[in-house]
Amino acid sequence: HPRMSELYSKSVNTMRLVTVRSLKDGKIHLMPSILRTGANGSFVDNTSQGGIAVGFDLETGQLHQYGFHKPQFGLRTEIHPDSGIRLSEFYIPFIKEAEEKAMFFHSMLKDIHSIGWDIAIGSNGPIFIEGNDNWEINGPQVGNCGLKKEFEEFFYD
């Protein structure tokens, strides 16, 4: 998607959108998630390679104020170092479509409790790359200031 490329054009920038089947009601819910974007010349969006992880509002797709790097790459930023875009002014295109599809796909996988979906955004909507049952909680926790409330709500019966 052109807007995603404006944020950073040298990598495919992906969402790690997390869905969980609640142990309380059995329904699929969204967990706080992150957008991963490349930075500093990297061709990948992984934070281990210098990329940035930033949380976003699940309703609007608006990025949070701060994005986070691994310590050796600078820790925290409000502005993408390459594009100069203020993170909090960026909205992920097709956010609702991505969320609806992720929840639908998860509903077909009855035995998997939680999935971290890697999703790119193309010109015509979300492109699902993969679903991970071991979705590395550290990214969503950092990008969203912890997940204690969500764990209590969805993970405990």
N, C-alpha and C. Protein backbone atom coordinates (compact mmCIF):
# COMPACT_ATOMS: atom_id res chain seq x y z
N HIS A 1 0.86 -1.18 0.00
CA HIS A 1 0.00 0.00 0.00
C HIS A 1 0.90 1.24 0.00
N PRO A 2 0.57 2.22 -0.83
CA PRO A 2 1.42 3.42 -0.90
C PRO A 2 1.60 4.11 0.45
N ARG A 3 0.58 4.14 1.25
CA ARG A 3 0.69 4.81 2.56
C ARG A 3 1.68 4.07 3.46
N MET A 4 1.66 2.74 3.43
CA MET A 4 2.60 1.96 4.24
C MET A 4 4.03 2.20 3.76
N SER A 5 4.21 2.35 2.46
CA SER A 5 5.54 2.64 1.91
C SER A 5 6.02 4.03 2.28
N GLU A 6 5.09 4.97 2.45
CA GLU A 6 5.48 6.32 2.89
C GLU A 6 6.14 6.27 4.26
N LEU A 7 5.66 5.39 5.11
CA LEU A 7 6.23 5.27 6.45
C LEU A 7 7.68 4.79 6.36
N TYR A 8 7.91 3.75 5.54
CA TYR A 8 9.27 3.25 5.29
C TYR A 8 9.20 2.36 4.07
N SER A 9 9.95 2.70 3.02
CA SER A 9 9.80 2.03 1.73
C SER A 9 10.76 0.88 1.47
N LYS A 10 11.77 0.68 2.30
CA LYS A 10 12.77 -0.35 2.01
C LYS A 10 12.41 -1.74 2.54
N SER A 11 11.34 -1.84 3.32
CA SER A 11 10.90 -3.15 3.82
C SER A 11 9.40 -3.27 3.65
N VAL A 12 8.92 -4.49 3.76
CA VAL A 12 7.48 -4.70 3.87
C VAL A 12 7.15 -4.49 5.35
N ASN A 13 6.37 -3.49 5.65
CA ASN A 13 6.00 -3.17 7.03
C ASN A 13 4.77 -4.00 7.37
N THR A 14 4.83 -4.73 8.48
CA THR A 14 3.75 -5.66 8.80
C THR A 14 3.17 -5.41 10.18
N MET A 15 1.89 -5.78 10.30
CA MET A 15 1.26 -5.80 11.62
C MET A 15 1.51 -7.16 12.23
N ARG A 16 1.71 -7.20 13.53
CA ARG A 16 1.59 -8.44 14.30
C ARG A 16 0.28 -8.26 15.04
N LEU A 17 -0.80 -8.75 14.43
CA LEU A 17 -2.15 -8.63 14.98
C LEU A 17 -2.46 -9.90 15.76
N VAL A 18 -2.73 -9.74 17.05
CA VAL A 18 -2.92 -10.89 17.93
C VAL A 18 -4.40 -11.12 18.19
N THR A 19 -4.83 -12.38 17.95
CA THR A 19 -6.19 -12.80 18.29
C THR A 19 -6.10 -13.87 19.37
N VAL A 20 -7.12 -13.93 20.21
CA VAL A 20 -7.14 -14.92 21.29
C VAL A 20 -8.56 -15.45 21.44
N ARG A 21 -8.65 -16.75 21.70
CA ARG A 21 -9.93 -17.36 22.02
C ARG A 21 -10.06 -17.30 23.54
N SER A 22 -11.02 -16.55 24.02
CA SER A 22 -11.20 -16.36 25.46
C SER A 22 -11.54 -17.67 26.14
N LEU A 23 -10.90 -17.93 27.26
CA LEU A 23 -11.23 -19.11 28.05
C LEU A 23 -12.55 -18.94 28.78
N LYS A 24 -13.02 -17.70 28.88
CA LYS A 24 -14.27 -17.43 29.59
C LYS A 24 -15.50 -17.64 28.71
N ASP A 25 -15.46 -17.11 27.46
CA ASP A 25 -16.66 -17.20 26.62
C ASP A 25 -16.44 -17.93 25.30
N GLY A 26 -15.20 -18.35 25.01
CA GLY A 26 -14.91 -19.09 23.79
C GLY A 26 -14.88 -18.26 22.52
N LYS A 27 -15.13 -16.96 22.64
CA LYS A 27 -15.16 -16.08 21.47
C LYS A 27 -13.75 -15.60 21.12
N ILE A 28 -13.57 -15.22 19.86
CA ILE A 28 -12.29 -14.68 19.40
C ILE A 28 -12.28 -13.18 19.67
N HIS A 29 -11.21 -12.71 20.29
CA HIS A 29 -11.04 -11.30 20.62
C HIS A 29 -9.69 -10.81 20.09
N LEU A 30 -9.57 -9.51 19.93
CA LEU A 30 -8.30 -8.90 19.56
C LEU A 30 -7.53 -8.50 20.80
N MET A 31 -6.23 -8.70 20.75
CA MET A 31 -5.34 -8.24 21.82
C MET A 31 -4.60 -7.01 21.31
N PRO A 32 -4.11 -6.16 22.21
CA PRO A 32 -3.25 -5.06 21.76
C PRO A 32 -2.13 -5.61 20.88
N SER A 33 -1.87 -4.94 19.80
CA SER A 33 -0.96 -5.45 18.77
C SER A 33 0.02 -4.37 18.35
N ILE A 34 0.90 -4.71 17.40
CA ILE A 34 1.92 -3.76 16.97
C ILE A 34 2.03 -3.71 15.44
N LEU A 35 2.52 -2.59 14.97
CA LEU A 35 2.99 -2.45 13.60
C LEU A 35 4.51 -2.51 13.67
N ARG A 36 5.10 -3.28 12.77
CA ARG A 36 6.56 -3.36 12.69
C ARG A 36 6.99 -2.71 11.38
N THR A 37 7.95 -1.83 11.49
CA THR A 37 8.45 -1.14 10.29
C THR A 37 9.97 -1.17 10.28
N GLY A 38 10.53 -1.31 9.11
CA GLY A 38 11.97 -1.23 8.98
C GLY A 38 12.46 0.18 9.28
N ALA A 39 13.75 0.31 9.42
CA ALA A 39 14.36 1.62 9.69
C ALA A 39 15.86 1.56 9.40
N ASN A 40 16.43 2.72 9.23
CA ASN A 40 17.89 2.87 9.11
C ASN A 40 18.50 2.01 8.00
N GLY A 41 17.81 1.91 6.88
CA GLY A 41 18.34 1.18 5.73
C GLY A 41 18.07 -0.31 5.72
N SER A 42 17.46 -0.85 6.76
CA SER A 42 17.19 -2.29 6.82
C SER A 42 16.11 -2.67 5.82
N PHE A 43 16.25 -3.88 5.25
CA PHE A 43 15.27 -4.38 4.30
C PHE A 43 14.21 -5.25 4.97
N VAL A 44 14.28 -5.39 6.29
CA VAL A 44 13.30 -6.16 7.06
C VAL A 44 12.73 -5.29 8.17
N ASP A 45 11.56 -5.68 8.68
CA ASP A 45 10.91 -4.88 9.72
C ASP A 45 11.16 -5.40 11.13
N ASN A 46 11.99 -6.42 11.28
CA ASN A 46 12.27 -7.00 12.58
C ASN A 46 13.03 -6.03 13.49
N THR A 47 12.61 -5.95 14.74
CA THR A 47 13.33 -5.08 15.68
C THR A 47 14.74 -5.59 15.93
N SER A 48 14.98 -6.88 15.76
CA SER A 48 16.33 -7.42 15.95
C SER A 48 17.29 -6.93 14.86
N GLN A 49 16.74 -6.38 13.78
CA GLN A 49 17.55 -5.84 12.68
C GLN A 49 17.44 -4.32 12.57
N GLY A 50 17.00 -3.68 13.65
CA GLY A 50 16.92 -2.22 13.67
C GLY A 50 15.55 -1.65 13.41
N GLY A 51 14.55 -2.51 13.19
CA GLY A 51 13.20 -2.04 12.94
C GLY A 51 12.55 -1.45 14.17
N ILE A 52 11.36 -0.91 13.98
CA ILE A 52 10.60 -0.24 15.04
C ILE A 52 9.30 -0.99 15.27
N ALA A 53 8.93 -1.20 16.51
CA ALA A 53 7.63 -1.77 16.88
C ALA A 53 6.83 -0.67 17.56
N VAL A 54 5.60 -0.48 17.09
CA VAL A 54 4.76 0.58 17.68
C VAL A 54 3.34 0.04 17.82
N GLY A 55 2.76 0.25 18.98
CA GLY A 55 1.38 -0.15 19.22
C GLY A 55 0.43 0.75 18.45
N PHE A 56 -0.82 0.31 18.36
CA PHE A 56 -1.82 1.12 17.65
C PHE A 56 -3.19 0.89 18.25
N ASP A 57 -4.06 1.85 18.00
CA ASP A 57 -5.44 1.79 18.46
C ASP A 57 -6.18 0.78 17.59
N LEU A 58 -6.77 -0.23 18.22
CA LEU A 58 -7.47 -1.28 17.47
C LEU A 58 -8.73 -0.76 16.76
N GLU A 59 -9.30 0.32 17.24
CA GLU A 59 -10.51 0.87 16.61
C GLU A 59 -10.19 1.69 15.36
N THR A 60 -9.15 2.48 15.43
CA THR A 60 -8.87 3.44 14.36
C THR A 60 -7.65 3.11 13.51
N GLY A 61 -6.73 2.30 14.04
CA GLY A 61 -5.47 2.03 13.36
C GLY A 61 -4.43 3.12 13.56
N GLN A 62 -4.73 4.10 14.41
CA GLN A 62 -3.78 5.19 14.67
C GLN A 62 -2.64 4.66 15.54
N LEU A 63 -1.41 4.93 15.10
CA LEU A 63 -0.25 4.49 15.87
C LEU A 63 -0.15 5.27 17.17
N HIS A 64 0.44 4.61 18.17
CA HIS A 64 0.69 5.28 19.45
C HIS A 64 1.81 6.30 19.29
N GLN A 65 2.05 7.06 20.33
CA GLN A 65 3.04 8.13 20.28
C GLN A 65 4.45 7.62 20.06
N TYR A 66 4.81 6.52 20.73
CA TYR A 66 6.19 6.05 20.70
C TYR A 66 6.34 4.72 19.99
N GLY A 67 7.39 4.61 19.21
CA GLY A 67 7.83 3.35 18.64
C GLY A 67 9.09 2.94 19.37
N PHE A 68 9.37 1.65 19.39
CA PHE A 68 10.49 1.13 20.17
C PHE A 68 11.44 0.31 19.31
N HIS A 69 12.75 0.59 19.51
CA HIS A 69 13.85 -0.15 18.88
C HIS A 69 14.47 -1.04 19.95
N LYS A 70 15.26 -2.00 19.53
CA LYS A 70 16.14 -2.72 20.47
C LYS A 70 17.15 -1.69 20.98
N PRO A 71 17.70 -1.90 22.19
CA PRO A 71 18.61 -0.89 22.78
C PRO A 71 19.75 -0.43 21.88
N GLN A 72 20.36 -1.35 21.14
CA GLN A 72 21.50 -0.96 20.31
C GLN A 72 21.10 -0.06 19.13
N PHE A 73 19.79 0.07 18.88
CA PHE A 73 19.32 0.89 17.77
C PHE A 73 18.65 2.18 18.22
N GLY A 74 18.57 2.42 19.53
CA GLY A 74 18.09 3.71 19.99
C GLY A 74 16.91 3.73 20.93
N LEU A 75 16.34 2.60 21.30
CA LEU A 75 15.25 2.47 22.27
C LEU A 75 13.90 3.03 21.83
N ARG A 76 13.70 4.35 21.84
CA ARG A 76 12.36 4.91 21.66
C ARG A 76 12.40 6.11 20.72
N THR A 77 11.31 6.24 19.93
CA THR A 77 11.24 7.36 19.01
C THR A 77 9.79 7.79 18.82
N GLU A 78 9.57 9.06 18.55
CA GLU A 78 8.24 9.58 18.21
C GLU A 78 8.10 9.78 16.71
N ILE A 79 9.23 9.85 16.02
CA ILE A 79 9.27 10.14 14.59
C ILE A 79 10.07 9.04 13.90
N HIS A 80 9.56 8.55 12.76
CA HIS A 80 10.31 7.53 12.03
C HIS A 80 11.62 8.17 11.55
N PRO A 81 12.76 7.53 11.85
CA PRO A 81 14.05 8.16 11.55
C PRO A 81 14.34 8.35 10.06
N ASP A 82 13.69 7.60 9.20
CA ASP A 82 13.95 7.73 7.77
C ASP A 82 12.93 8.62 7.06
N SER A 83 11.65 8.39 7.31
CA SER A 83 10.61 9.14 6.60
C SER A 83 10.28 10.47 7.26
N GLY A 84 10.60 10.60 8.56
CA GLY A 84 10.26 11.82 9.28
C GLY A 84 8.80 11.89 9.69
N ILE A 85 8.04 10.83 9.46
CA ILE A 85 6.63 10.82 9.83
C ILE A 85 6.47 10.67 11.34
N ARG A 86 5.68 11.56 11.92
CA ARG A 86 5.36 11.45 13.35
C ARG A 86 4.45 10.25 13.51
N LEU A 87 4.88 9.29 14.33
CA LEU A 87 4.15 8.02 14.45
C LEU A 87 2.69 8.21 14.83
N SER A 88 2.42 9.10 15.76
CA SER A 88 1.05 9.28 16.24
C SER A 88 0.11 9.90 15.20
N GLU A 89 0.67 10.34 14.08
CA GLU A 89 -0.15 10.91 13.01
C GLU A 89 -0.41 9.91 11.89
N PHE A 90 0.09 8.70 12.05
CA PHE A 90 -0.04 7.68 11.01
C PHE A 90 -1.17 6.71 11.34
N TYR A 91 -1.98 6.40 10.34
CA TYR A 91 -3.09 5.45 10.49
C TYR A 91 -2.85 4.26 9.56
N ILE A 92 -3.01 3.06 10.06
CA ILE A 92 -2.84 1.86 9.25
C ILE A 92 -4.05 1.71 8.33
N PRO A 93 -3.83 1.64 7.01
CA PRO A 93 -4.96 1.44 6.10
C PRO A 93 -5.57 0.04 6.28
N PHE A 94 -6.85 -0.09 5.97
CA PHE A 94 -7.55 -1.38 5.98
C PHE A 94 -7.50 -2.10 7.33
N ILE A 95 -7.44 -1.35 8.43
CA ILE A 95 -7.32 -1.98 9.75
C ILE A 95 -8.53 -2.86 10.07
N LYS A 96 -9.72 -2.38 9.81
CA LYS A 96 -10.92 -3.16 10.13
C LYS A 96 -10.98 -4.45 9.32
N GLU A 97 -10.63 -4.37 8.03
CA GLU A 97 -10.63 -5.56 7.18
C GLU A 97 -9.63 -6.59 7.70
N ALA A 98 -8.44 -6.14 8.11
CA ALA A 98 -7.43 -7.05 8.65
C ALA A 98 -7.93 -7.71 9.93
N GLU A 99 -8.54 -6.94 10.80
CA GLU A 99 -9.04 -7.49 12.07
C GLU A 99 -10.16 -8.50 11.84
N GLU A 100 -11.09 -8.16 10.95
CA GLU A 100 -12.21 -9.06 10.68
C GLU A 100 -11.74 -10.38 10.09
N LYS A 101 -10.79 -10.31 9.14
CA LYS A 101 -10.27 -11.54 8.54
C LYS A 101 -9.49 -12.37 9.55
N ALA A 102 -8.68 -11.72 10.38
CA ALA A 102 -7.91 -12.45 11.39
C ALA A 102 -8.84 -13.18 12.35
N MET A 103 -9.88 -12.52 12.79
CA MET A 103 -10.83 -13.15 13.71
C MET A 103 -11.56 -14.30 13.02
N PHE A 104 -11.93 -14.13 11.75
CA PHE A 104 -12.58 -15.20 11.01
C PHE A 104 -11.65 -16.40 10.85
N PHE A 105 -10.40 -16.15 10.40
CA PHE A 105 -9.45 -17.24 10.23
C PHE A 105 -9.23 -17.99 11.55
N HIS A 106 -9.09 -17.24 12.64
CA HIS A 106 -8.88 -17.88 13.94
C HIS A 106 -10.09 -18.73 14.33
N SER A 107 -11.28 -18.28 13.99
CA SER A 107 -12.49 -19.04 14.35
C SER A 107 -12.50 -20.43 13.71
N MET A 108 -11.77 -20.62 12.63
CA MET A 108 -11.71 -21.92 11.96
C MET A 108 -10.66 -22.84 12.58
N LEU A 109 -9.81 -22.29 13.43
CA LEU A 109 -8.74 -23.06 14.07
C LEU A 109 -9.11 -23.29 15.53
N LYS A 110 -9.95 -24.25 15.76
CA LYS A 110 -10.60 -24.46 17.07
C LYS A 110 -9.63 -24.79 18.20
N ASP A 111 -8.50 -25.41 17.89
CA ASP A 111 -7.60 -25.88 18.94
C ASP A 111 -6.46 -24.92 19.27
N ILE A 112 -6.45 -23.76 18.64
CA ILE A 112 -5.36 -22.81 18.90
C ILE A 112 -5.92 -21.66 19.72
N HIS A 113 -5.29 -21.44 20.88
CA HIS A 113 -5.78 -20.44 21.82
C HIS A 113 -5.49 -19.02 21.38
N SER A 114 -4.26 -18.76 20.92
CA SER A 114 -3.91 -17.40 20.49
C SER A 114 -3.01 -17.48 19.27
N ILE A 115 -3.15 -16.47 18.41
CA ILE A 115 -2.38 -16.42 17.17
C ILE A 115 -1.88 -14.99 16.95
N GLY A 116 -0.61 -14.88 16.61
CA GLY A 116 -0.04 -13.61 16.19
C GLY A 116 0.06 -13.62 14.67
N TRP A 117 -0.82 -12.88 14.02
CA TRP A 117 -0.88 -12.85 12.56
C TRP A 117 0.08 -11.80 12.02
N ASP A 118 0.92 -12.19 11.06
CA ASP A 118 1.78 -11.23 10.37
C ASP A 118 1.04 -10.83 9.10
N ILE A 119 0.71 -9.54 9.02
CA ILE A 119 -0.14 -9.04 7.94
C ILE A 119 0.50 -7.82 7.29
N ALA A 120 0.68 -7.90 6.00
CA ALA A 120 1.09 -6.73 5.21
C ALA A 120 -0.19 -6.07 4.70
N ILE A 121 -0.09 -4.83 4.31
CA ILE A 121 -1.24 -4.13 3.73
C ILE A 121 -0.90 -3.78 2.29
N GLY A 122 -1.67 -4.34 1.38
CA GLY A 122 -1.50 -4.06 -0.04
C GLY A 122 -2.49 -2.99 -0.50
N SER A 123 -2.41 -2.62 -1.74
CA SER A 123 -3.30 -1.60 -2.29
C SER A 123 -4.77 -1.99 -2.20
N ASN A 124 -5.06 -3.30 -2.21
CA ASN A 124 -6.44 -3.77 -2.18
C ASN A 124 -6.86 -4.32 -0.82
N GLY A 125 -5.99 -4.21 0.19
CA GLY A 125 -6.36 -4.69 1.52
C GLY A 125 -5.28 -5.53 2.17
N PRO A 126 -5.65 -6.23 3.26
CA PRO A 126 -4.67 -6.99 4.02
C PRO A 126 -4.18 -8.23 3.26
N ILE A 127 -2.89 -8.53 3.46
CA ILE A 127 -2.26 -9.71 2.90
C ILE A 127 -1.69 -10.52 4.07
N PHE A 128 -2.28 -11.68 4.33
CA PHE A 128 -1.85 -12.50 5.45
C PHE A 128 -0.61 -13.29 5.06
N ILE A 129 0.47 -13.07 5.80
CA ILE A 129 1.73 -13.75 5.54
C ILE A 129 1.79 -15.07 6.29
N GLU A 130 1.48 -15.02 7.59
CA GLU A 130 1.48 -16.23 8.41
C GLU A 130 0.78 -15.98 9.73
N GLY A 131 0.41 -17.07 10.37
CA GLY A 131 -0.12 -17.04 11.73
C GLY A 131 0.82 -17.79 12.63
N ASN A 132 1.16 -17.21 13.77
CA ASN A 132 2.12 -17.81 14.71
C ASN A 132 1.44 -18.16 16.02
N ASP A 133 1.56 -19.42 16.45
CA ASP A 133 1.01 -19.77 17.77
C ASP A 133 2.00 -19.44 18.88
N ASN A 134 3.24 -19.13 18.52
CA ASN A 134 4.26 -18.65 19.45
C ASN A 134 4.62 -17.25 18.97
N TRP A 135 3.83 -16.26 19.36
CA TRP A 135 3.88 -14.94 18.73
C TRP A 135 4.73 -13.90 19.45
N GLU A 136 5.62 -14.32 20.30
CA GLU A 136 6.59 -13.41 20.93
C GLU A 136 5.91 -12.23 21.60
N ILE A 137 5.47 -12.44 22.79
CA ILE A 137 4.69 -11.45 23.54
C ILE A 137 5.44 -10.15 23.80
N ASN A 138 6.77 -10.18 23.75
CA ASN A 138 7.54 -8.98 24.10
C ASN A 138 7.21 -7.79 23.21
N GLY A 139 6.99 -7.99 21.91
CA GLY A 139 6.66 -6.87 21.02
C GLY A 139 5.35 -6.20 21.38
N PRO A 140 4.24 -6.95 21.44
CA PRO A 140 2.98 -6.33 21.84
C PRO A 140 3.01 -5.72 23.25
N GLN A 141 3.78 -6.33 24.17
CA GLN A 141 3.86 -5.75 25.52
C GLN A 141 4.56 -4.40 25.50
N VAL A 142 5.69 -4.32 24.82
CA VAL A 142 6.44 -3.06 24.76
C VAL A 142 5.62 -1.99 24.05
N GLY A 143 5.02 -2.35 22.93
CA GLY A 143 4.27 -1.38 22.14
C GLY A 143 2.98 -0.91 22.78
N ASN A 144 2.54 -1.61 23.83
CA ASN A 144 1.25 -1.28 24.45
C ASN A 144 1.32 -1.16 25.97
N CYS A 145 2.51 -1.01 26.51
CA CYS A 145 2.70 -0.80 27.96
C CYS A 145 2.14 -1.96 28.79
N GLY A 146 2.45 -3.17 28.39
CA GLY A 146 2.05 -4.35 29.15
C GLY A 146 0.72 -4.92 28.68
N LEU A 147 0.43 -6.14 29.14
CA LEU A 147 -0.80 -6.82 28.74
C LEU A 147 -1.49 -7.50 29.92
N LYS A 148 -1.21 -7.06 31.14
CA LYS A 148 -1.77 -7.72 32.31
C LYS A 148 -3.30 -7.76 32.28
N LYS A 149 -3.93 -6.64 31.98
CA LYS A 149 -5.39 -6.56 31.96
C LYS A 149 -5.97 -7.55 30.95
N GLU A 150 -5.37 -7.63 29.77
CA GLU A 150 -5.86 -8.52 28.73
C GLU A 150 -5.67 -9.98 29.12
N PHE A 151 -4.55 -10.29 29.75
CA PHE A 151 -4.34 -11.67 30.19
C PHE A 151 -5.37 -12.07 31.22
N GLU A 152 -5.67 -11.19 32.14
CA GLU A 152 -6.68 -11.50 33.13
C GLU A 152 -8.06 -11.67 32.50
N GLU A 153 -8.32 -10.87 31.45
CA GLU A 153 -9.63 -10.91 30.80
C GLU A 153 -9.81 -12.14 29.91
N PHE A 154 -8.80 -12.51 29.14
CA PHE A 154 -8.95 -13.55 28.12
C PHE A 154 -8.29 -14.88 28.44
N PHE A 155 -7.23 -14.86 29.25
CA PHE A 155 -6.44 -16.07 29.42
C PHE A 155 -6.79 -16.86 30.68
N TYR A 156 -7.46 -16.25 31.60
CA TYR A 156 -7.79 -16.96 32.84
C TYR A 156 -9.27 -17.24 32.92
N ASP A 157 -9.58 -18.46 33.28
CA ASP A 157 -10.98 -18.89 33.38
C ASP A 157 -11.57 -18.43 34.70
